Amino acid sequence: MPISQRPVLLIVDDDPEVLHALAFLTQARGYDARRCGTSAEALAAATDGLHCLVIDQNLPDLSGVELLGRLRERGVAAPAVIITTAPSAALVRQAAAVDASIVEKPLLDEALFVRIADLTGTAR
């Protein structure tokens, strides 16, 4: 499938190795992965054509939930996944308030990719 026809993901993670790995793995599964290493980059890169957002909760400039809240305020309605380790009950409530799923780290199984496929309506 040509890249222009692939579902577009915006992946936000401040760890360059994780960001590269997630982009590589999602591209191998047929997505067009756009990468951002900071919340500021994500705010600048977010467009209407996104099919899914994958956001690390522990970013240095904003939390993932805070970033998603700002994106929602700007009209970005794409489905979202927050990735984090051991989410608290408060974080689960905050994620639900901005219409986001949570997938727990470490990302050792297919849970993230299954969730992305479900949110984008793509085949697994």
PDB file of N, CA and C in Angstrom:
ATOM      1  N   MET A   1       0.848  -1.169   0.000  1.00  0.00           N
ATOM      2  CA  MET A   1       0.000   0.000   0.000  1.00  0.00           C
ATOM      3  C   MET A   1       0.903   1.245   0.000  1.00  0.00           C
ATOM      4  N   PRO A   2       0.634   2.196  -0.873  1.00  0.00           N
ATOM      5  CA  PRO A   2       1.441   3.423  -0.866  1.00  0.00           C
ATOM      6  C   PRO A   2       1.318   4.144   0.466  1.00  0.00           C
ATOM      7  N   ILE A   3       2.407   4.795   0.868  1.00  0.00           N
ATOM      8  CA  ILE A   3       2.413   5.493   2.160  1.00  0.00           C
ATOM      9  C   ILE A   3       1.276   6.488   2.253  1.00  0.00           C
ATOM     10  N   SER A   4       0.919   7.157   1.161  1.00  0.00           N
ATOM     11  CA  SER A   4      -0.142   8.167   1.203  1.00  0.00           C
ATOM     12  C   SER A   4      -1.500   7.572   1.543  1.00  0.00           C
ATOM     13  N   GLN A   5      -1.678   6.256   1.380  1.00  0.00           N
ATOM     14  CA  GLN A   5      -2.945   5.612   1.684  1.00  0.00           C
ATOM     15  C   GLN A   5      -2.939   4.908   3.038  1.00  0.00           C
ATOM     16  N   ARG A   6      -1.820   4.914   3.706  1.00  0.00           N
ATOM     17  CA  ARG A   6      -1.718   4.247   5.000  1.00  0.00           C
ATOM     18  C   ARG A   6      -2.348   5.102   6.089  1.00  0.00           C
ATOM     19  N   PRO A   7      -2.942   4.472   7.121  1.00  0.00           N
ATOM     20  CA  PRO A   7      -3.401   5.251   8.273  1.00  0.00           C
ATOM     21  C   PRO A   7      -2.215   5.961   8.925  1.00  0.00           C
ATOM     22  N   VAL A   8      -2.433   7.194   9.320  1.00  0.00           N
ATOM     23  CA  VAL A   8      -1.357   8.027   9.858  1.00  0.00           C
ATOM     24  C   VAL A   8      -1.396   8.020  11.381  1.00  0.00           C
ATOM     25  N   LEU A   9      -0.269   7.658  11.982  1.00  0.00           N
ATOM     26  CA  LEU A   9      -0.116   7.674  13.434  1.00  0.00           C
ATOM     27  C   LEU A   9       0.825   8.803  13.815  1.00  0.00           C
ATOM     28  N   LEU A  10       0.539   9.458  14.918  1.00  0.00           N
ATOM     29  CA  LEU A  10       1.481  10.406  15.516  1.00  0.00           C
ATOM     30  C   LEU A  10       1.980   9.741  16.787  1.00  0.00           C
ATOM     31  N   ILE A  11       3.281   9.460  16.837  1.00  0.00           N
ATOM     32  CA  ILE A  11       3.887   8.790  17.985  1.00  0.00           C
ATOM     33  C   ILE A  11       4.743   9.807  18.724  1.00  0.00           C
ATOM     34  N   VAL A  12       4.490   9.944  20.030  1.00  0.00           N
ATOM     35  CA  VAL A  12       5.198  10.931  20.840  1.00  0.00           C
ATOM     36  C   VAL A  12       5.878  10.218  22.005  1.00  0.00           C
ATOM     37  N   ASP A  13       7.220  10.265  22.003  1.00  0.00           N
ATOM     38  CA  ASP A  13       7.996   9.672  23.092  1.00  0.00           C
ATOM     39  C   ASP A  13       9.338  10.380  23.142  1.00  0.00           C
ATOM     40  N   ASP A  14       9.793  10.734  24.332  1.00  0.00           N
ATOM     41  CA  ASP A  14      11.060  11.454  24.466  1.00  0.00           C
ATOM     42  C   ASP A  14      12.286  10.544  24.429  1.00  0.00           C
ATOM     43  N   ASP A  15      12.089   9.243  24.476  1.00  0.00           N
ATOM     44  CA  ASP A  15      13.200   8.302  24.379  1.00  0.00           C
ATOM     45  C   ASP A  15      13.415   7.985  22.902  1.00  0.00           C
ATOM     46  N   PRO A  16      14.529   8.446  22.317  1.00  0.00           N
ATOM     47  CA  PRO A  16      14.744   8.250  20.883  1.00  0.00           C
ATOM     48  C   PRO A  16      14.717   6.786  20.445  1.00  0.00           C
ATOM     49  N   GLU A  17      15.205   5.891  21.286  1.00  0.00           N
ATOM     50  CA  GLU A  17      15.208   4.473  20.921  1.00  0.00           C
ATOM     51  C   GLU A  17      13.797   3.900  20.891  1.00  0.00           C
ATOM     52  N   VAL A  18      12.982   4.254  21.871  1.00  0.00           N
ATOM     53  CA  VAL A  18      11.588   3.799  21.895  1.00  0.00           C
ATOM     54  C   VAL A  18      10.837   4.398  20.711  1.00  0.00           C
ATOM     55  N   LEU A  19      11.047   5.672  20.464  1.00  0.00           N
ATOM     56  CA  LEU A  19      10.384   6.356  19.353  1.00  0.00           C
ATOM     57  C   LEU A  19      10.735   5.681  18.025  1.00  0.00           C
ATOM     58  N   HIS A  20      12.007   5.406  17.825  1.00  0.00           N
ATOM     59  CA  HIS A  20      12.440   4.739  16.592  1.00  0.00           C
ATOM     60  C   HIS A  20      11.818   3.346  16.482  1.00  0.00           C
ATOM     61  N   ALA A  21      11.847   2.588  17.564  1.00  0.00           N
ATOM     62  CA  ALA A  21      11.310   1.220  17.545  1.00  0.00           C
ATOM     63  C   ALA A  21       9.811   1.220  17.258  1.00  0.00           C
ATOM     64  N   LEU A  22       9.065   2.107  17.923  1.00  0.00           N
ATOM     65  CA  LEU A  22       7.622   2.159  17.680  1.00  0.00           C
ATOM     66  C   LEU A  22       7.308   2.579  16.242  1.00  0.00           C
ATOM     67  N   ALA A  23       8.049   3.546  15.729  1.00  0.00           N
ATOM     68  CA  ALA A  23       7.837   3.969  14.344  1.00  0.00           C
ATOM     69  C   ALA A  23       8.141   2.819  13.384  1.00  0.00           C
ATOM     70  N   PHE A  24       9.253   2.147  13.600  1.00  0.00           N
ATOM     71  CA  PHE A  24       9.632   1.021  12.739  1.00  0.00           C
ATOM     72  C   PHE A  24       8.565  -0.075  12.772  1.00  0.00           C
ATOM     73  N   LEU A  25       8.140  -0.451  13.971  1.00  0.00           N
ATOM     74  CA  LEU A  25       7.180  -1.549  14.112  1.00  0.00           C
ATOM     75  C   LEU A  25       5.808  -1.195  13.549  1.00  0.00           C
ATOM     76  N   THR A  26       5.375   0.044  13.734  1.00  0.00           N
ATOM     77  CA  THR A  26       4.068   0.420  13.182  1.00  0.00           C
ATOM     78  C   THR A  26       4.140   0.546  11.660  1.00  0.00           C
ATOM     79  N   GLN A  27       5.255   1.044  11.141  1.00  0.00           N
ATOM     80  CA  GLN A  27       5.407   1.120   9.679  1.00  0.00           C
ATOM     81  C   GLN A  27       5.423  -0.281   9.075  1.00  0.00           C
ATOM     82  N   ALA A  28       6.045  -1.224   9.761  1.00  0.00           N
ATOM     83  CA  ALA A  28       6.075  -2.610   9.281  1.00  0.00           C
ATOM     84  C   ALA A  28       4.676  -3.221   9.270  1.00  0.00           C
ATOM     85  N   ARG A  29       3.771  -2.663  10.070  1.00  0.00           N
ATOM     86  CA  ARG A  29       2.394  -3.152  10.122  1.00  0.00           C
ATOM     87  C   ARG A  29       1.466  -2.353   9.196  1.00  0.00           C
ATOM     88  N   GLY A  30       2.031  -1.480   8.379  1.00  0.00           N
ATOM     89  CA  GLY A  30       1.230  -0.789   7.376  1.00  0.00           C
ATOM     90  C   GLY A  30       0.760   0.606   7.727  1.00  0.00           C
ATOM     91  N   TYR A  31       1.345   1.218   8.736  1.00  0.00           N
ATOM     92  CA  TYR A  31       0.970   2.585   9.122  1.00  0.00           C
ATOM     93  C   TYR A  31       2.026   3.584   8.656  1.00  0.00           C
ATOM     94  N   ASP A  32       1.613   4.826   8.502  1.00  0.00           N
ATOM     95  CA  ASP A  32       2.530   5.931   8.253  1.00  0.00           C
ATOM     96  C   ASP A  32       2.795   6.558   9.623  1.00  0.00           C
ATOM     97  N   ALA A  33       3.970   6.333  10.164  1.00  0.00           N
ATOM     98  CA  ALA A  33       4.294   6.797  11.516  1.00  0.00           C
ATOM     99  C   ALA A  33       5.026   8.131  11.467  1.00  0.00           C
ATOM    100  N   ARG A  34       4.461   9.116  12.148  1.00  0.00           N
ATOM    101  CA  ARG A  34       5.107  10.420  12.295  1.00  0.00           C
ATOM    102  C   ARG A  34       5.609  10.509  13.724  1.00  0.00           C
ATOM    103  N   ARG A  35       6.842  10.970  13.897  1.00  0.00           N
ATOM    104  CA  ARG A  35       7.502  10.930  15.201  1.00  0.00           C
ATOM    105  C   ARG A  35       7.658  12.319  15.793  1.00  0.00           C
ATOM    106  N   CYS A  36       7.460  12.393  17.108  1.00  0.00           N
ATOM    107  CA  CYS A  36       7.727  13.614  17.859  1.00  0.00           C
ATOM    108  C   CYS A  36       8.402  13.228  19.167  1.00  0.00           C
ATOM    109  N   GLY A  37       9.446  13.983  19.538  1.00  0.00           N
ATOM    110  CA  GLY A  37      10.173  13.698  20.764  1.00  0.00           C
ATOM    111  C   GLY A  37       9.753  14.550  21.945  1.00  0.00           C
ATOM    112  N   THR A  38       8.911  15.566  21.696  1.00  0.00           N
ATOM    113  CA  THR A  38       8.440  16.440  22.774  1.00  0.00           C
ATOM    114  C   THR A  38       6.977  16.791  22.549  1.00  0.00           C
ATOM    115  N   SER A  39       6.366  17.289  23.600  1.00  0.00           N
ATOM    116  CA  SER A  39       4.988  17.764  23.480  1.00  0.00           C
ATOM    117  C   SER A  39       4.903  18.940  22.520  1.00  0.00           C
ATOM    118  N   ALA A  40       5.886  19.829  22.579  1.00  0.00           N
ATOM    119  CA  ALA A  40       5.893  20.991  21.687  1.00  0.00           C
ATOM    120  C   ALA A  40       5.913  20.554  20.226  1.00  0.00           C
ATOM    121  N   GLU A  41       6.729  19.565  19.906  1.00  0.00           N
ATOM    122  CA  GLU A  41       6.754  19.041  18.538  1.00  0.00           C
ATOM    123  C   GLU A  41       5.405  18.444  18.156  1.00  0.00           C
ATOM    124  N   ALA A  42       4.791  17.728  19.079  1.00  0.00           N
ATOM    125  CA  ALA A  42       3.500  17.109  18.801  1.00  0.00           C
ATOM    126  C   ALA A  42       2.417  18.165  18.578  1.00  0.00           C
ATOM    127  N   LEU A  43       2.429  19.223  19.370  1.00  0.00           N
ATOM    128  CA  LEU A  43       1.445  20.294  19.189  1.00  0.00           C
ATOM    129  C   LEU A  43       1.601  20.946  17.819  1.00  0.00           C
ATOM    130  N   ALA A  44       2.827  21.062  17.357  1.00  0.00           N
ATOM    131  CA  ALA A  44       3.083  21.661  16.050  1.00  0.00           C
ATOM    132  C   ALA A  44       2.741  20.699  14.911  1.00  0.00           C
ATOM    133  N   ALA A  45       2.889  19.398  15.138  1.00  0.00           N
ATOM    134  CA  ALA A  45       2.725  18.407  14.072  1.00  0.00           C
ATOM    135  C   ALA A  45       1.303  17.874  13.933  1.00  0.00           C
ATOM    136  N   ALA A  46       0.481  18.052  14.939  1.00  0.00           N
ATOM    137  CA  ALA A  46      -0.862  17.472  14.927  1.00  0.00           C
ATOM    138  C   ALA A  46      -1.717  18.127  13.842  1.00  0.00           C
ATOM    139  N   THR A  47      -2.334  17.282  13.029  1.00  0.00           N
ATOM    140  CA  THR A  47      -3.193  17.747  11.944  1.00  0.00           C
ATOM    141  C   THR A  47      -4.505  16.984  11.968  1.00  0.00           C
ATOM    142  N   ASP A  48      -5.397  17.374  11.085  1.00  0.00           N
ATOM    143  CA  ASP A  48      -6.694  16.699  10.990  1.00  0.00           C
ATOM    144  C   ASP A  48      -6.599  15.298  10.404  1.00  0.00           C
ATOM    145  N   GLY A  49      -5.542  15.005   9.651  1.00  0.00           N
ATOM    146  CA  GLY A  49      -5.448  13.733   8.957  1.00  0.00           C
ATOM    147  C   GLY A  49      -4.933  12.571   9.777  1.00  0.00           C
ATOM    148  N   LEU A  50      -4.822  12.743  11.077  1.00  0.00           N
ATOM    149  CA  LEU A  50      -4.292  11.664  11.919  1.00  0.00           C
ATOM    150  C   LEU A  50      -5.358  10.612  12.189  1.00  0.00           C
ATOM    151  N   HIS A  51      -4.938   9.356  12.176  1.00  0.00           N
ATOM    152  CA  HIS A  51      -5.856   8.253  12.467  1.00  0.00           C
ATOM    153  C   HIS A  51      -5.734   7.750  13.896  1.00  0.00           C
ATOM    154  N   CYS A  52      -4.578   7.995  14.531  1.00  0.00           N
ATOM    155  CA  CYS A  52      -4.380   7.549  15.910  1.00  0.00           C
ATOM    156  C   CYS A  52      -3.163   8.265  16.498  1.00  0.00           C
ATOM    157  N   LEU A  53      -3.235   8.546  17.788  1.00  0.00           N
ATOM    158  CA  LEU A  53      -2.140   9.146  18.541  1.00  0.00           C
ATOM    159  C   LEU A  53      -1.622   8.109  19.528  1.00  0.00           C
ATOM    160  N   VAL A  54      -0.310   7.973  19.602  1.00  0.00           N
ATOM    161  CA  VAL A  54       0.329   7.095  20.588  1.00  0.00           C
ATOM    162  C   VAL A  54       1.261   7.994  21.380  1.00  0.00           C
ATOM    163  N   ILE A  55       0.946   8.196  22.669  1.00  0.00           N
ATOM    164  CA  ILE A  55       1.640   9.208  23.467  1.00  0.00           C
ATOM    165  C   ILE A  55       2.170   8.598  24.757  1.00  0.00           C
ATOM    166  N   ASP A  56       3.461   8.807  24.992  1.00  0.00           N
ATOM    167  CA  ASP A  56       4.067   8.393  26.259  1.00  0.00           C
ATOM    168  C   ASP A  56       3.543   9.313  27.370  1.00  0.00           C
ATOM    169  N   GLN A  57       3.192   8.771  28.497  1.00  0.00           N
ATOM    170  CA  GLN A  57       2.690   9.573  29.616  1.00  0.00           C
ATOM    171  C   GLN A  57       3.781  10.432  30.241  1.00  0.00           C
ATOM    172  N   ASN A  58       4.999   9.914  30.288  1.00  0.00           N
ATOM    173  CA  ASN A  58       6.070  10.593  31.017  1.00  0.00           C
ATOM    174  C   ASN A  58       6.982  11.385  30.084  1.00  0.00           C
ATOM    175  N   LEU A  59       6.452  12.471  29.559  1.00  0.00           N
ATOM    176  CA  LEU A  59       7.227  13.379  28.716  1.00  0.00           C
ATOM    177  C   LEU A  59       7.804  14.477  29.601  1.00  0.00           C
ATOM    178  N   PRO A  60       8.931  15.061  29.224  1.00  0.00           N
ATOM    179  CA  PRO A  60       9.559  16.067  30.093  1.00  0.00           C
ATOM    180  C   PRO A  60       8.837  17.414  30.135  1.00  0.00           C
ATOM    181  N   ASP A  61       8.118  17.776  29.061  1.00  0.00           N
ATOM    182  CA  ASP A  61       7.525  19.114  29.022  1.00  0.00           C
ATOM    183  C   ASP A  61       6.049  19.147  29.420  1.00  0.00           C
ATOM    184  N   LEU A  62       5.302  18.124  29.152  1.00  0.00           N
ATOM    185  CA  LEU A  62       3.906  17.946  29.589  1.00  0.00           C
ATOM    186  C   LEU A  62       3.699  16.449  29.798  1.00  0.00           C
ATOM    187  N   SER A  63       2.743  16.094  30.610  1.00  0.00           N
ATOM    188  CA  SER A  63       2.414  14.674  30.688  1.00  0.00           C
ATOM    189  C   SER A  63       1.648  14.306  29.418  1.00  0.00           C
ATOM    190  N   GLY A  64       1.588  13.029  29.123  1.00  0.00           N
ATOM    191  CA  GLY A  64       0.844  12.586  27.952  1.00  0.00           C
ATOM    192  C   GLY A  64      -0.613  12.993  28.000  1.00  0.00           C
ATOM    193  N   VAL A  65      -1.229  12.886  29.164  1.00  0.00           N
ATOM    194  CA  VAL A  65      -2.635  13.272  29.317  1.00  0.00           C
ATOM    195  C   VAL A  65      -2.801  14.783  29.126  1.00  0.00           C
ATOM    196  N   GLU A  66      -1.883  15.575  29.664  1.00  0.00           N
ATOM    197  CA  GLU A  66      -1.941  17.026  29.464  1.00  0.00           C
ATOM    198  C   GLU A  66      -1.802  17.371  27.983  1.00  0.00           C
ATOM    199  N   LEU A  67      -0.854  16.721  27.311  1.00  0.00           N
ATOM    200  CA  LEU A  67      -0.681  16.949  25.878  1.00  0.00           C
ATOM    201  C   LEU A  67      -1.949  16.601  25.126  1.00  0.00           C
ATOM    202  N   LEU A  68      -2.522  15.459  25.424  1.00  0.00           N
ATOM    203  CA  LEU A  68      -3.740  15.054  24.734  1.00  0.00           C
ATOM    204  C   LEU A  68      -4.878  16.034  25.010  1.00  0.00           C
ATOM    205  N   GLY A  69      -4.960  16.536  26.231  1.00  0.00           N
ATOM    206  CA  GLY A  69      -5.974  17.536  26.547  1.00  0.00           C
ATOM    207  C   GLY A  69      -5.816  18.782  25.686  1.00  0.00           C
ATOM    208  N   ARG A  70      -4.588  19.226  25.494  1.00  0.00           N
ATOM    209  CA  ARG A  70      -4.338  20.399  24.641  1.00  0.00           C
ATOM    210  C   ARG A  70      -4.670  20.106  23.184  1.00  0.00           C
ATOM    211  N   LEU A  71      -4.338  18.898  22.747  1.00  0.00           N
ATOM    212  CA  LEU A  71      -4.680  18.528  21.373  1.00  0.00           C
ATOM    213  C   LEU A  71      -6.196  18.484  21.189  1.00  0.00           C
ATOM    214  N   ARG A  72      -6.897  17.957  22.168  1.00  0.00           N
ATOM    215  CA  ARG A  72      -8.365  17.923  22.102  1.00  0.00           C
ATOM    216  C   ARG A  72      -8.930  19.343  22.045  1.00  0.00           C
ATOM    217  N   GLU A  73      -8.363  20.256  22.838  1.00  0.00           N
ATOM    218  CA  GLU A  73      -8.807  21.657  22.812  1.00  0.00           C
ATOM    219  C   GLU A  73      -8.619  22.277  21.433  1.00  0.00           C
ATOM    220  N   ARG A  74      -7.632  21.815  20.699  1.00  0.00           N
ATOM    221  CA  ARG A  74      -7.350  22.320  19.349  1.00  0.00           C
ATOM    222  C   ARG A  74      -8.174  21.606  18.280  1.00  0.00           C
ATOM    223  N   GLY A  75      -9.019  20.691  18.711  1.00  0.00           N
ATOM    224  CA  GLY A  75      -9.886  20.006  17.766  1.00  0.00           C
ATOM    225  C   GLY A  75      -9.352  18.702  17.212  1.00  0.00           C
ATOM    226  N   VAL A  76      -8.245  18.207  17.743  1.00  0.00           N
ATOM    227  CA  VAL A  76      -7.697  16.924  17.283  1.00  0.00           C
ATOM    228  C   VAL A  76      -8.521  15.810  17.935  1.00  0.00           C
ATOM    229  N   ALA A  77      -9.288  15.118  17.124  1.00  0.00           N
ATOM    230  CA  ALA A  77     -10.226  14.121  17.643  1.00  0.00           C
ATOM    231  C   ALA A  77      -9.778  12.688  17.407  1.00  0.00           C
ATOM    232  N   ALA A  78      -8.595  12.487  16.871  1.00  0.00           N
ATOM    233  CA  ALA A  78      -8.118  11.133  16.572  1.00  0.00           C
ATOM    234  C   ALA A  78      -8.108  10.277  17.831  1.00  0.00           C
ATOM    235  N   PRO A  79      -8.412   8.992  17.694  1.00  0.00           N
ATOM    236  CA  PRO A  79      -8.309   8.096  18.846  1.00  0.00           C
ATOM    237  C   PRO A  79      -6.893   8.138  19.405  1.00  0.00           C
ATOM    238  N   ALA A  80      -6.772   7.870  20.704  1.00  0.00           N
ATOM    239  CA  ALA A  80      -5.468   8.002  21.351  1.00  0.00           C
ATOM    240  C   ALA A  80      -5.194   6.856  22.309  1.00  0.00           C
ATOM    241  N   VAL A  81      -3.895   6.547  22.412  1.00  0.00           N
ATOM    242  CA  VAL A  81      -3.395   5.561  23.363  1.00  0.00           C
ATOM    243  C   VAL A  81      -2.296   6.233  24.171  1.00  0.00           C
ATOM    244  N   ILE A  82      -2.408   6.142  25.480  1.00  0.00           N
ATOM    245  CA  ILE A  82      -1.363   6.601  26.391  1.00  0.00           C
ATOM    246  C   ILE A  82      -0.568   5.358  26.799  1.00  0.00           C
ATOM    247  N   ILE A  83       0.763   5.419  26.650  1.00  0.00           N
ATOM    248  CA  ILE A  83       1.595   4.301  27.088  1.00  0.00           C
ATOM    249  C   ILE A  83       2.327   4.715  28.362  1.00  0.00           C
ATOM    250  N   THR A  84       2.282   3.836  29.351  1.00  0.00           N
ATOM    251  CA  THR A  84       2.883   4.148  30.645  1.00  0.00           C
ATOM    252  C   THR A  84       3.099   2.872  31.447  1.00  0.00           C
ATOM    253  N   THR A  85       3.868   2.999  32.490  1.00  0.00           N
ATOM    254  CA  THR A  85       4.109   1.896  33.409  1.00  0.00           C
ATOM    255  C   THR A  85       3.221   2.066  34.634  1.00  0.00           C
ATOM    256  N   ALA A  86       2.547   1.013  35.023  1.00  0.00           N
ATOM    257  CA  ALA A  86       1.737   0.980  36.252  1.00  0.00           C
ATOM    258  C   ALA A  86       0.862   2.217  36.426  1.00  0.00           C
ATOM    259  N   PRO A  87      -0.151   2.386  35.586  1.00  0.00           N
ATOM    260  CA  PRO A  87      -1.009   3.564  35.694  1.00  0.00           C
ATOM    261  C   PRO A  87      -1.807   3.561  37.003  1.00  0.00           C
ATOM    262  N   SER A  88      -1.874   4.726  37.613  1.00  0.00           N
ATOM    263  CA  SER A  88      -2.669   4.876  38.836  1.00  0.00           C
ATOM    264  C   SER A  88      -4.146   4.978  38.468  1.00  0.00           C
ATOM    265  N   ALA A  89      -5.001   4.838  39.464  1.00  0.00           N
ATOM    266  CA  ALA A  89      -6.439   5.000  39.233  1.00  0.00           C
ATOM    267  C   ALA A  89      -6.740   6.422  38.759  1.00  0.00           C
ATOM    268  N   ALA A  90      -6.017   7.397  39.294  1.00  0.00           N
ATOM    269  CA  ALA A  90      -6.211   8.787  38.867  1.00  0.00           C
ATOM    270  C   ALA A  90      -5.853   8.961  37.398  1.00  0.00           C
ATOM    271  N   LEU A  91      -4.761   8.337  36.957  1.00  0.00           N
ATOM    272  CA  LEU A  91      -4.372   8.444  35.551  1.00  0.00           C
ATOM    273  C   LEU A  91      -5.407   7.781  34.652  1.00  0.00           C
ATOM    274  N   VAL A  92      -5.939   6.659  35.065  1.00  0.00           N
ATOM    275  CA  VAL A  92      -6.980   5.982  34.282  1.00  0.00           C
ATOM    276  C   VAL A  92      -8.177   6.912  34.106  1.00  0.00           C
ATOM    277  N   ARG A  93      -8.575   7.612  35.169  1.00  0.00           N
ATOM    278  CA  ARG A  93      -9.702   8.564  35.083  1.00  0.00           C
ATOM    279  C   ARG A  93      -9.352   9.736  34.169  1.00  0.00           C
ATOM    280  N   GLN A  94      -8.125  10.259  34.295  1.00  0.00           N
ATOM    281  CA  GLN A  94      -7.699  11.383  33.455  1.00  0.00           C
ATOM    282  C   GLN A  94      -7.671  10.977  31.980  1.00  0.00           C
ATOM    283  N   ALA A  95      -7.194   9.789  31.703  1.00  0.00           N
ATOM    284  CA  ALA A  95      -7.154   9.310  30.319  1.00  0.00           C
ATOM    285  C   ALA A  95      -8.569   9.168  29.761  1.00  0.00           C
ATOM    286  N   ALA A  96      -9.466   8.636  30.557  1.00  0.00           N
ATOM    287  CA  ALA A  96     -10.851   8.497  30.108  1.00  0.00           C
ATOM    288  C   ALA A  96     -11.476   9.863  29.824  1.00  0.00           C
ATOM    289  N   ALA A  97     -11.108  10.872  30.606  1.00  0.00           N
ATOM    290  CA  ALA A  97     -11.665  12.218  30.424  1.00  0.00           C
ATOM    291  C   ALA A  97     -11.247  12.845  29.089  1.00  0.00           C
ATOM    292  N   VAL A  98     -10.102  12.424  28.536  1.00  0.00           N
ATOM    293  CA  VAL A  98      -9.653  12.932  27.232  1.00  0.00           C
ATOM    294  C   VAL A  98      -9.815  11.858  26.149  1.00  0.00           C
ATOM    295  N   ASP A  99     -10.641  10.861  26.453  1.00  0.00           N
ATOM    296  CA  ASP A  99     -10.988   9.805  25.500  1.00  0.00           C
ATOM    297  C   ASP A  99      -9.758   9.054  25.002  1.00  0.00           C
ATOM    298  N   ALA A 100      -8.978   8.532  25.938  1.00  0.00           N
ATOM    299  CA  ALA A 100      -7.770   7.778  25.580  1.00  0.00           C
ATOM    300  C   ALA A 100      -7.772   6.416  26.252  1.00  0.00           C
ATOM    301  N   SER A 101      -7.194   5.468  25.564  1.00  0.00           N
ATOM    302  CA  SER A 101      -6.929   4.149  26.123  1.00  0.00           C
ATOM    303  C   SER A 101      -5.556   4.182  26.774  1.00  0.00           C
ATOM    304  N   ILE A 102      -5.310   3.248  27.668  1.00  0.00           N
ATOM    305  CA  ILE A 102      -3.987   3.096  28.264  1.00  0.00           C
ATOM    306  C   ILE A 102      -3.472   1.708  27.927  1.00  0.00           C
ATOM    307  N   VAL A 103      -2.219   1.659  27.481  1.00  0.00           N
ATOM    308  CA  VAL A 103      -1.525   0.390  27.288  1.00  0.00           C
ATOM    309  C   VAL A 103      -0.286   0.456  28.167  1.00  0.00           C
ATOM    310  N   GLU A 104      -0.115  -0.584  28.971  1.00  0.00           N
ATOM    311  CA  GLU A 104       0.993  -0.589  29.929  1.00  0.00           C
ATOM    312  C   GLU A 104       2.309  -1.041  29.317  1.00  0.00           C
ATOM    313  N   LYS A 105       3.365  -0.355  29.764  1.00  0.00           N
ATOM    314  CA  LYS A 105       4.736  -0.757  29.452  1.00  0.00           C
ATOM    315  C   LYS A 105       5.156  -1.808  30.467  1.00  0.00           C
ATOM    316  N   PRO A 106       6.083  -2.643  30.180  1.00  0.00           N
ATOM    317  CA  PRO A 106       6.834  -2.703  28.938  1.00  0.00           C
ATOM    318  C   PRO A 106       5.966  -3.265  27.814  1.00  0.00           C
ATOM    319  N   LEU A 107       6.236  -2.846  26.617  1.00  0.00           N
ATOM    320  CA  LEU A 107       5.468  -3.234  25.440  1.00  0.00           C
ATOM    321  C   LEU A 107       6.040  -4.524  24.864  1.00  0.00           C
ATOM    322  N   LEU A 108       5.888  -5.592  25.628  1.00  0.00           N
ATOM    323  CA  LEU A 108       6.505  -6.863  25.256  1.00  0.00           C
ATOM    324  C   LEU A 108       5.608  -7.743  24.398  1.00  0.00           C
ATOM    325  N   ASP A 109       4.320  -7.466  24.367  1.00  0.00           N
ATOM    326  CA  ASP A 109       3.426  -8.295  23.573  1.00  0.00           C
ATOM    327  C   ASP A 109       2.770  -7.430  22.496  1.00  0.00           C
ATOM    328  N   GLU A 110       1.711  -7.899  21.949  1.00  0.00           N
ATOM    329  CA  GLU A 110       1.040  -7.208  20.841  1.00  0.00           C
ATOM    330  C   GLU A 110      -0.050  -6.239  21.304  1.00  0.00           C
ATOM    331  N   ALA A 111      -0.187  -5.992  22.597  1.00  0.00           N
ATOM    332  CA  ALA A 111      -1.304  -5.192  23.110  1.00  0.00           C
ATOM    333  C   ALA A 111      -1.407  -3.816  22.450  1.00  0.00           C
ATOM    334  N   LEU A 112      -0.300  -3.119  22.293  1.00  0.00           N
ATOM    335  CA  LEU A 112      -0.343  -1.794  21.679  1.00  0.00           C
ATOM    336  C   LEU A 112      -0.810  -1.884  20.232  1.00  0.00           C
ATOM    337  N   PHE A 113      -0.286  -2.832  19.485  1.00  0.00           N
ATOM    338  CA  PHE A 113      -0.618  -2.942  18.068  1.00  0.00           C
ATOM    339  C   PHE A 113      -2.054  -3.418  17.863  1.00  0.00           C
ATOM    340  N   VAL A 114      -2.535  -4.267  18.754  1.00  0.00           N
ATOM    341  CA  VAL A 114      -3.937  -4.684  18.710  1.00  0.00           C
ATOM    342  C   VAL A 114      -4.832  -3.477  18.981  1.00  0.00           C
ATOM    343  N   ARG A 115      -4.463  -2.669  19.965  1.00  0.00           N
ATOM    344  CA  ARG A 115      -5.265  -1.489  20.300  1.00  0.00           C
ATOM    345  C   ARG A 115      -5.270  -0.484  19.146  1.00  0.00           C
ATOM    346  N   ILE A 116      -4.111  -0.246  18.531  1.00  0.00           N
ATOM    347  CA  ILE A 116      -4.040   0.663  17.384  1.00  0.00           C
ATOM    348  C   ILE A 116      -4.927   0.142  16.253  1.00  0.00           C
ATOM    349  N   ALA A 117      -4.857  -1.147  15.973  1.00  0.00           N
ATOM    350  CA  ALA A 117      -5.693  -1.731  14.914  1.00  0.00           C
ATOM    351  C   ALA A 117      -7.170  -1.557  15.225  1.00  0.00           C
ATOM    352  N   ASP A 118      -7.551  -1.773  16.479  1.00  0.00           N
ATOM    353  CA  ASP A 118      -8.948  -1.590  16.873  1.00  0.00           C
ATOM    354  C   ASP A 118      -9.390  -0.142  16.699  1.00  0.00           C
ATOM    355  N   LEU A 119      -8.547   0.794  17.100  1.00  0.00           N
ATOM    356  CA  LEU A 119      -8.898   2.215  17.032  1.00  0.00           C
ATOM    357  C   LEU A 119      -8.930   2.752  15.601  1.00  0.00           C
ATOM    358  N   THR A 120      -8.093   2.197  14.734  1.00  0.00           N
ATOM    359  CA  THR A 120      -8.043   2.677  13.357  1.00  0.00           C
ATOM    360  C   THR A 120      -8.902   1.863  12.401  1.00  0.00           C
ATOM    361  N   GLY A 121      -9.434   0.748  12.893  1.00  0.00           N
ATOM    362  CA  GLY A 121     -10.263  -0.111  12.045  1.00  0.00           C
ATOM    363  C   GLY A 121      -9.460  -0.831  10.976  1.00  0.00           C
ATOM    364  N   THR A 122      -8.206  -1.102  11.272  1.00  0.00           N
ATOM    365  CA  THR A 122      -7.352  -1.801  10.323  1.00  0.00           C
ATOM    366  C   THR A 122      -7.210  -3.260  10.720  1.00  0.00           C
ATOM    367  N   ALA A 123      -6.839  -4.082   9.764  1.00  0.00           N
ATOM    368  CA  ALA A 123      -6.667  -5.511  10.032  1.00  0.00           C
ATOM    369  C   ALA A 123      -5.451  -5.736  10.909  1.00  0.00           C
ATOM    370  N   ARG A 124      -5.518  -6.761  11.704  1.00  0.00           N
ATOM    371  CA  ARG A 124      -4.397  -7.109  12.580  1.00  0.00           C
ATOM    372  C   ARG A 124      -3.435  -7.995  11.881  1.00  0.00           C
TER     373      ARG A 124
END
